[in-house]
């Protein structure tokens, strides 16, 4: 009867008093959009800092749930050229 993870999420974020299911869905989508905008704003600096400290792109991508290409786009690996 549905995905257990979705049912668990519904229990964690119940409807507020008098809130319809559509209003609840709208509220949760607005929160998700706000969270996405914060992540997008702060991710480049955090990714660059993590890469400077030796964290691999694959590890960052896995931790943040994005692709390795996205990490490489935000914080490209800088290699030293041979002299």
PDB file of N, CA and C in Angstrom:
ATOM      1  N   UNK A   1       0.835  -1.181   0.000  1.00  0.00           N
ATOM      2  CA  UNK A   1       0.000   0.000   0.000  1.00  0.00           C
ATOM      3  C   UNK A   1       0.878   1.243   0.000  1.00  0.00           C
ATOM      4  N   UNK A   2       1.592   1.459  -1.056  1.00  0.00           N
ATOM      5  CA  UNK A   2       2.432   2.639  -1.188  1.00  0.00           C
ATOM      6  C   UNK A   2       3.842   2.394  -0.673  1.00  0.00           C
ATOM      7  N   UNK A   3       4.693   3.316  -1.000  1.00  0.00           N
ATOM      8  CA  UNK A   3       6.094   3.247  -0.602  1.00  0.00           C
ATOM      9  C   UNK A   3       6.216   3.536   0.898  1.00  0.00           C
ATOM     10  N   UNK A   4       6.865   2.647   1.673  1.00  0.00           N
ATOM     11  CA  UNK A   4       6.988   2.877   3.118  1.00  0.00           C
ATOM     12  C   UNK A   4       7.717   4.171   3.453  1.00  0.00           C
ATOM     13  N   UNK A   5       8.697   4.547   2.626  1.00  0.00           N
ATOM     14  CA  UNK A   5       9.436   5.779   2.886  1.00  0.00           C
ATOM     15  C   UNK A   5       8.518   6.988   2.781  1.00  0.00           C
ATOM     16  N   UNK A   6       7.601   6.966   1.822  1.00  0.00           N
ATOM     17  CA  UNK A   6       6.656   8.072   1.670  1.00  0.00           C
ATOM     18  C   UNK A   6       5.712   8.115   2.866  1.00  0.00           C
ATOM     19  N   UNK A   7       5.252   6.960   3.320  1.00  0.00           N
ATOM     20  CA  UNK A   7       4.370   6.928   4.496  1.00  0.00           C
ATOM     21  C   UNK A   7       5.105   7.470   5.717  1.00  0.00           C
ATOM     22  N   UNK A   8       6.374   7.116   5.884  1.00  0.00           N
ATOM     23  CA  UNK A   8       7.152   7.628   7.014  1.00  0.00           C
ATOM     24  C   UNK A   8       7.292   9.139   6.932  1.00  0.00           C
ATOM     25  N   UNK A   9       7.529   9.653   5.736  1.00  0.00           N
ATOM     26  CA  UNK A   9       7.660  11.099   5.557  1.00  0.00           C
ATOM     27  C   UNK A   9       6.358  11.800   5.899  1.00  0.00           C
ATOM     28  N   UNK A  10       5.227  11.187   5.549  1.00  0.00           N
ATOM     29  CA  UNK A  10       3.936  11.785   5.868  1.00  0.00           C
ATOM     30  C   UNK A  10       3.754  11.899   7.372  1.00  0.00           C
ATOM     31  N   UNK A  11       4.228  10.908   8.107  1.00  0.00           N
ATOM     32  CA  UNK A  11       4.111  10.941   9.565  1.00  0.00           C
ATOM     33  C   UNK A  11       5.017  12.011  10.169  1.00  0.00           C
ATOM     34  N   UNK A  12       6.170  12.250   9.551  1.00  0.00           N
ATOM     35  CA  UNK A  12       7.100  13.254  10.075  1.00  0.00           C
ATOM     36  C   UNK A  12       6.616  14.669   9.828  1.00  0.00           C
ATOM     37  N   UNK A  13       5.879  14.887   8.765  1.00  0.00           N
ATOM     38  CA  UNK A  13       5.376  16.217   8.435  1.00  0.00           C
ATOM     39  C   UNK A  13       3.863  16.176   8.282  1.00  0.00           C
ATOM     40  N   UNK A  14       3.152  16.050   9.394  1.00  0.00           N
ATOM     41  CA  UNK A  14       1.694  15.936   9.314  1.00  0.00           C
ATOM     42  C   UNK A  14       1.050  17.258   8.914  1.00  0.00           C
ATOM     43  N   UNK A  15      -0.197  17.164   8.519  1.00  0.00           N
ATOM     44  CA  UNK A  15      -0.963  18.362   8.177  1.00  0.00           C
ATOM     45  C   UNK A  15      -1.178  19.190   9.437  1.00  0.00           C
ATOM     46  N   UNK A  16      -1.175  20.500   9.274  1.00  0.00           N
ATOM     47  CA  UNK A  16      -1.468  21.387  10.391  1.00  0.00           C
ATOM     48  C   UNK A  16      -2.971  21.408  10.612  1.00  0.00           C
ATOM     49  N   UNK A  17      -3.410  21.916  11.747  1.00  0.00           N
ATOM     50  CA  UNK A  17      -4.840  21.955  12.072  1.00  0.00           C
ATOM     51  C   UNK A  17      -5.631  22.653  10.974  1.00  0.00           C
ATOM     52  N   UNK A  18      -6.638  21.970  10.461  1.00  0.00           N
ATOM     53  CA  UNK A  18      -7.520  22.533   9.446  1.00  0.00           C
ATOM     54  C   UNK A  18      -6.916  22.618   8.051  1.00  0.00           C
ATOM     55  N   UNK A  19      -5.746  22.063   7.858  1.00  0.00           N
ATOM     56  CA  UNK A  19      -5.060  22.148   6.570  1.00  0.00           C
ATOM     57  C   UNK A  19      -5.503  20.996   5.672  1.00  0.00           C
ATOM     58  N   UNK A  20      -5.887  21.327   4.444  1.00  0.00           N
ATOM     59  CA  UNK A  20      -6.274  20.278   3.500  1.00  0.00           C
ATOM     60  C   UNK A  20      -5.017  19.582   2.988  1.00  0.00           C
ATOM     61  N   UNK A  21      -5.203  18.427   2.375  1.00  0.00           N
ATOM     62  CA  UNK A  21      -4.042  17.698   1.853  1.00  0.00           C
ATOM     63  C   UNK A  21      -3.346  18.498   0.752  1.00  0.00           C
ATOM     64  N   UNK A  22      -4.113  19.257  -0.034  1.00  0.00           N
ATOM     65  CA  UNK A  22      -3.510  20.075  -1.090  1.00  0.00           C
ATOM     66  C   UNK A  22      -2.707  21.227  -0.494  1.00  0.00           C
ATOM     67  N   UNK A  23      -3.242  21.843   0.574  1.00  0.00           N
ATOM     68  CA  UNK A  23      -2.508  22.922   1.239  1.00  0.00           C
ATOM     69  C   UNK A  23      -1.215  22.395   1.854  1.00  0.00           C
ATOM     70  N   UNK A  24      -1.283  21.203   2.446  1.00  0.00           N
ATOM     71  CA  UNK A  24      -0.100  20.581   3.027  1.00  0.00           C
ATOM     72  C   UNK A  24       0.945  20.317   1.952  1.00  0.00           C
ATOM     73  N   UNK A  25       0.501  19.786   0.827  1.00  0.00           N
ATOM     74  CA  UNK A  25       1.408  19.511  -0.278  1.00  0.00           C
ATOM     75  C   UNK A  25       2.064  20.799  -0.775  1.00  0.00           C
ATOM     76  N   UNK A  26       1.283  21.859  -0.894  1.00  0.00           N
ATOM     77  CA  UNK A  26       1.818  23.155  -1.322  1.00  0.00           C
ATOM     78  C   UNK A  26       2.850  23.668  -0.325  1.00  0.00           C
ATOM     79  N   UNK A  27       2.548  23.549   0.963  1.00  0.00           N
ATOM     80  CA  UNK A  27       3.471  23.997   2.011  1.00  0.00           C
ATOM     81  C   UNK A  27       4.776  23.208   1.948  1.00  0.00           C
ATOM     82  N   UNK A  28       4.686  21.896   1.800  1.00  0.00           N
ATOM     83  CA  UNK A  28       5.892  21.072   1.739  1.00  0.00           C
ATOM     84  C   UNK A  28       6.705  21.351   0.482  1.00  0.00           C
ATOM     85  N   UNK A  29       6.050  21.597  -0.629  1.00  0.00           N
ATOM     86  CA  UNK A  29       6.779  21.941  -1.866  1.00  0.00           C
ATOM     87  C   UNK A  29       7.482  23.283  -1.730  1.00  0.00           C
ATOM     88  N   UNK A  30       6.836  24.230  -1.056  1.00  0.00           N
ATOM     89  CA  UNK A  30       7.455  25.542  -0.849  1.00  0.00           C
ATOM     90  C   UNK A  30       8.708  25.386   0.020  1.00  0.00           C
ATOM     91  N   UNK A  31       8.614  24.566   1.079  1.00  0.00           N
ATOM     92  CA  UNK A  31       9.788  24.308   1.915  1.00  0.00           C
ATOM     93  C   UNK A  31      10.901  23.669   1.114  1.00  0.00           C
ATOM     94  N   UNK A  32      10.555  22.696   0.271  1.00  0.00           N
ATOM     95  CA  UNK A  32      11.562  22.021  -0.549  1.00  0.00           C
ATOM     96  C   UNK A  32      12.235  23.013  -1.493  1.00  0.00           C
ATOM     97  N   UNK A  33      11.441  23.891  -2.109  1.00  0.00           N
ATOM     98  CA  UNK A  33      12.003  24.887  -3.022  1.00  0.00           C
ATOM     99  C   UNK A  33      12.936  25.849  -2.292  1.00  0.00           C
ATOM    100  N   UNK A  34      12.551  26.257  -1.078  1.00  0.00           N
ATOM    101  CA  UNK A  34      13.413  27.142  -0.289  1.00  0.00           C
ATOM    102  C   UNK A  34      14.718  26.440   0.073  1.00  0.00           C
ATOM    103  N   UNK A  35      14.629  25.185   0.464  1.00  0.00           N
ATOM    104  CA  UNK A  35      15.818  24.411   0.796  1.00  0.00           C
ATOM    105  C   UNK A  35      16.724  24.256  -0.423  1.00  0.00           C
ATOM    106  N   UNK A  36      16.132  23.964  -1.575  1.00  0.00           N
ATOM    107  CA  UNK A  36      16.917  23.844  -2.816  1.00  0.00           C
ATOM    108  C   UNK A  36      17.658  25.137  -3.119  1.00  0.00           C
ATOM    109  N   UNK A  37      17.005  26.294  -2.941  1.00  0.00           N
ATOM    110  CA  UNK A  37      17.658  27.567  -3.247  1.00  0.00           C
ATOM    111  C   UNK A  37      18.823  27.825  -2.291  1.00  0.00           C
ATOM    112  N   UNK A  38      18.674  27.455  -1.021  1.00  0.00           N
ATOM    113  CA  UNK A  38      19.770  27.610  -0.062  1.00  0.00           C
ATOM    114  C   UNK A  38      20.929  26.700  -0.444  1.00  0.00           C
ATOM    115  N   UNK A  39      20.623  25.464  -0.788  1.00  0.00           N
ATOM    116  CA  UNK A  39      21.667  24.518  -1.187  1.00  0.00           C
ATOM    117  C   UNK A  39      22.397  25.025  -2.426  1.00  0.00           C
ATOM    118  N   UNK A  40      21.659  25.497  -3.417  1.00  0.00           N
ATOM    119  CA  UNK A  40      22.282  25.992  -4.641  1.00  0.00           C
ATOM    120  C   UNK A  40      23.158  27.207  -4.363  1.00  0.00           C
ATOM    121  N   UNK A  41      22.744  28.049  -3.419  1.00  0.00           N
ATOM    122  CA  UNK A  41      23.520  29.245  -3.102  1.00  0.00           C
ATOM    123  C   UNK A  41      24.800  28.904  -2.342  1.00  0.00           C
ATOM    124  N   UNK A  42      24.730  27.913  -1.452  1.00  0.00           N
ATOM    125  CA  UNK A  42      25.876  27.604  -0.601  1.00  0.00           C
ATOM    126  C   UNK A  42      26.751  26.463  -1.112  1.00  0.00           C
ATOM    127  N   UNK A  43      26.253  25.681  -2.055  1.00  0.00           N
ATOM    128  CA  UNK A  43      26.992  24.511  -2.517  1.00  0.00           C
ATOM    129  C   UNK A  43      28.337  24.848  -3.155  1.00  0.00           C
ATOM    130  N   UNK A  44      28.442  25.866  -4.015  1.00  0.00           N
ATOM    131  CA  UNK A  44      29.745  26.119  -4.645  1.00  0.00           C
ATOM    132  C   UNK A  44      30.867  26.352  -3.636  1.00  0.00           C
ATOM    133  N   UNK A  45      30.632  27.179  -2.638  1.00  0.00           N
ATOM    134  CA  UNK A  45      31.680  27.456  -1.653  1.00  0.00           C
ATOM    135  C   UNK A  45      32.012  26.206  -0.842  1.00  0.00           C
ATOM    136  N   UNK A  46      30.987  25.472  -0.442  1.00  0.00           N
ATOM    137  CA  UNK A  46      31.209  24.255   0.345  1.00  0.00           C
ATOM    138  C   UNK A  46      31.945  23.200  -0.479  1.00  0.00           C
ATOM    139  N   UNK A  47      31.577  23.064  -1.750  1.00  0.00           N
ATOM    140  CA  UNK A  47      32.229  22.078  -2.616  1.00  0.00           C
ATOM    141  C   UNK A  47      33.691  22.447  -2.845  1.00  0.00           C
ATOM    142  N   UNK A  48      33.956  23.721  -3.092  1.00  0.00           N
ATOM    143  CA  UNK A  48      35.339  24.154  -3.317  1.00  0.00           C
ATOM    144  C   UNK A  48      36.185  23.933  -2.068  1.00  0.00           C
ATOM    145  N   UNK A  49      35.623  24.234  -0.905  1.00  0.00           N
ATOM    146  CA  UNK A  49      36.348  24.037   0.345  1.00  0.00           C
ATOM    147  C   UNK A  49      36.635  22.552   0.580  1.00  0.00           C
ATOM    148  N   UNK A  50      35.641  21.716   0.355  1.00  0.00           N
ATOM    149  CA  UNK A  50      35.820  20.273   0.541  1.00  0.00           C
ATOM    150  C   UNK A  50      36.856  19.723  -0.430  1.00  0.00           C
ATOM    151  N   UNK A  51      36.821  20.185  -1.680  1.00  0.00           N
ATOM    152  CA  UNK A  51      37.793  19.710  -2.671  1.00  0.00           C
ATOM    153  C   UNK A  51      39.205  20.143  -2.291  1.00  0.00           C
ATOM    154  N   UNK A  52      39.349  21.372  -1.757  1.00  0.00           N
ATOM    155  CA  UNK A  52      40.667  21.848  -1.312  1.00  0.00           C
ATOM    156  C   UNK A  52      41.226  20.973  -0.193  1.00  0.00           C
ATOM    157  N   UNK A  53      40.336  20.393   0.594  1.00  0.00           N
ATOM    158  CA  UNK A  53      40.755  19.543   1.709  1.00  0.00           C
ATOM    159  C   UNK A  53      40.814  18.068   1.329  1.00  0.00           C
ATOM    160  N   UNK A  54      40.767  17.779   0.034  1.00  0.00           N
ATOM    161  CA  UNK A  54      41.003  16.425  -0.446  1.00  0.00           C
ATOM    162  C   UNK A  54      39.802  15.501  -0.533  1.00  0.00           C
ATOM    163  N   UNK A  55      38.597  16.020  -0.397  1.00  0.00           N
ATOM    164  CA  UNK A  55      37.412  15.174  -0.530  1.00  0.00           C
ATOM    165  C   UNK A  55      37.161  14.952  -2.015  1.00  0.00           C
ATOM    166  N   UNK A  56      36.972  13.718  -2.415  1.00  0.00           N
ATOM    167  CA  UNK A  56      36.773  13.381  -3.821  1.00  0.00           C
ATOM    168  C   UNK A  56      35.411  13.805  -4.344  1.00  0.00           C
ATOM    169  N   UNK A  57      35.348  14.038  -5.646  1.00  0.00           N
ATOM    170  CA  UNK A  57      34.091  14.451  -6.282  1.00  0.00           C
ATOM    171  C   UNK A  57      33.015  13.386  -6.125  1.00  0.00           C
ATOM    172  N   UNK A  58      33.389  12.118  -6.254  1.00  0.00           N
ATOM    173  CA  UNK A  58      32.403  11.037  -6.131  1.00  0.00           C
ATOM    174  C   UNK A  58      31.822  10.989  -4.718  1.00  0.00           C
ATOM    175  N   UNK A  59      32.672  11.202  -3.723  1.00  0.00           N
ATOM    176  CA  UNK A  59      32.206  11.190  -2.332  1.00  0.00           C
ATOM    177  C   UNK A  59      31.264  12.364  -2.064  1.00  0.00           C
ATOM    178  N   UNK A  60      31.610  13.548  -2.567  1.00  0.00           N
ATOM    179  CA  UNK A  60      30.728  14.713  -2.401  1.00  0.00           C
ATOM    180  C   UNK A  60      29.400  14.501  -3.114  1.00  0.00           C
ATOM    181  N   UNK A  61      29.462  13.980  -4.322  1.00  0.00           N
ATOM    182  CA  UNK A  61      28.236  13.746  -5.091  1.00  0.00           C
ATOM    183  C   UNK A  61      27.319  12.775  -4.360  1.00  0.00           C
ATOM    184  N   UNK A  62      27.884  11.729  -3.818  1.00  0.00           N
ATOM    185  CA  UNK A  62      27.090  10.739  -3.081  1.00  0.00           C
ATOM    186  C   UNK A  62      26.482  11.372  -1.824  1.00  0.00           C
ATOM    187  N   UNK A  63      27.258  12.161  -1.107  1.00  0.00           N
ATOM    188  CA  UNK A  63      26.781  12.787   0.131  1.00  0.00           C
ATOM    189  C   UNK A  63      25.667  13.793  -0.130  1.00  0.00           C
ATOM    190  N   UNK A  64      25.767  14.541  -1.229  1.00  0.00           N
ATOM    191  CA  UNK A  64      24.785  15.588  -1.512  1.00  0.00           C
ATOM    192  C   UNK A  64      23.690  15.146  -2.467  1.00  0.00           C
ATOM    193  N   UNK A  65      23.794  13.939  -2.990  1.00  0.00           N
ATOM    194  CA  UNK A  65      22.747  13.439  -3.878  1.00  0.00           C
ATOM    195  C   UNK A  65      22.717  14.129  -5.230  1.00  0.00           C
ATOM    196  N   UNK A  66      23.891  14.522  -5.716  1.00  0.00           N
ATOM    197  CA  UNK A  66      23.988  15.123  -7.048  1.00  0.00           C
ATOM    198  C   UNK A  66      24.971  14.297  -7.869  1.00  0.00           C
ATOM    199  N   UNK A  67      25.094  14.639  -9.130  1.00  0.00           N
ATOM    200  CA  UNK A  67      26.002  13.892  -9.999  1.00  0.00           C
ATOM    201  C   UNK A  67      27.445  14.377  -9.817  1.00  0.00           C
ATOM    202  N   UNK A  68      28.379  13.513 -10.180  1.00  0.00           N
ATOM    203  CA  UNK A  68      29.792  13.887 -10.149  1.00  0.00           C
ATOM    204  C   UNK A  68      30.028  15.042 -11.115  1.00  0.00           C
ATOM    205  N   UNK A  69      29.311  15.042 -12.226  1.00  0.00           N
ATOM    206  CA  UNK A  69      29.444  16.135 -13.196  1.00  0.00           C
ATOM    207  C   UNK A  69      29.071  17.474 -12.562  1.00  0.00           C
ATOM    208  N   UNK A  70      28.044  17.482 -11.713  1.00  0.00           N
ATOM    209  CA  UNK A  70      27.629  18.724 -11.049  1.00  0.00           C
ATOM    210  C   UNK A  70      28.725  19.202 -10.100  1.00  0.00           C
ATOM    211  N   UNK A  71      29.330  18.287  -9.360  1.00  0.00           N
ATOM    212  CA  UNK A  71      30.426  18.659  -8.458  1.00  0.00           C
ATOM    213  C   UNK A  71      31.597  19.193  -9.272  1.00  0.00           C
ATOM    214  N   UNK A  72      31.917  18.533 -10.367  1.00  0.00           N
ATOM    215  CA  UNK A  72      33.030  18.973 -11.214  1.00  0.00           C
ATOM    216  C   UNK A  72      32.751  20.328 -11.849  1.00  0.00           C
ATOM    217  N   UNK A  73      31.492  20.601 -12.125  1.00  0.00           N
ATOM    218  CA  UNK A  73      31.109  21.896 -12.699  1.00  0.00           C
ATOM    219  C   UNK A  73      31.276  23.004 -11.658  1.00  0.00           C
ATOM    220  N   UNK A  74      30.889  22.724 -10.429  1.00  0.00           N
ATOM    221  CA  UNK A  74      30.944  23.716  -9.362  1.00  0.00           C
ATOM    222  C   UNK A  74      32.366  23.901  -8.839  1.00  0.00           C
ATOM    223  N   UNK A  75      33.083  22.801  -8.653  1.00  0.00           N
ATOM    224  CA  UNK A  75      34.431  22.848  -8.082  1.00  0.00           C
ATOM    225  C   UNK A  75      35.359  21.968  -8.901  1.00  0.00           C
ATOM    226  N   UNK A  76      35.806  22.457 -10.053  1.00  0.00           N
ATOM    227  CA  UNK A  76      36.659  21.635 -10.913  1.00  0.00           C
ATOM    228  C   UNK A  76      37.992  21.306 -10.239  1.00  0.00           C
ATOM    229  N   UNK A  77      38.515  20.159 -10.613  1.00  0.00           N
ATOM    230  CA  UNK A  77      39.813  19.737 -10.084  1.00  0.00           C
ATOM    231  C   UNK A  77      40.883  20.529 -10.812  1.00  0.00           C
ATOM    232  N   UNK A  78      41.760  21.114 -10.047  1.00  0.00           N
ATOM    233  CA  UNK A  78      42.858  21.867 -10.647  1.00  0.00           C
ATOM    234  C   UNK A  78      44.108  20.988 -10.591  1.00  0.00           C
ATOM    235  N   UNK A  79      44.708  20.778 -11.736  1.00  0.00           N
ATOM    236  CA  UNK A  79      45.928  19.968 -11.779  1.00  0.00           C
ATOM    237  C   UNK A  79      47.108  20.871 -12.081  1.00  0.00           C
ATOM    238  N   UNK A  80      48.249  20.511 -11.529  1.00  0.00           N
ATOM    239  CA  UNK A  80      49.456  21.296 -11.787  1.00  0.00           C
ATOM    240  C   UNK A  80      50.029  20.872 -13.126  1.00  0.00           C
ATOM    241  N   UNK A  81      50.438  21.829 -13.893  1.00  0.00           N
ATOM    242  CA  UNK A  81      51.077  21.530 -15.180  1.00  0.00           C
ATOM    243  C   UNK A  81      52.557  21.250 -14.962  1.00  0.00           C
ATOM    244  N   UNK A  82      53.071  20.330 -15.742  1.00  0.00           N
ATOM    245  CA  UNK A  82      54.505  20.024 -15.672  1.00  0.00           C
ATOM    246  C   UNK A  82      55.286  21.208 -16.216  1.00  0.00           C
ATOM    247  N   UNK A  83      56.389  21.522 -15.568  1.00  0.00           N
ATOM    248  CA  UNK A  83      57.191  22.676 -15.999  1.00  0.00           C
ATOM    249  C   UNK A  83      58.297  22.253 -16.915  1.00  0.00           C
TER     250      UNK A  83
END
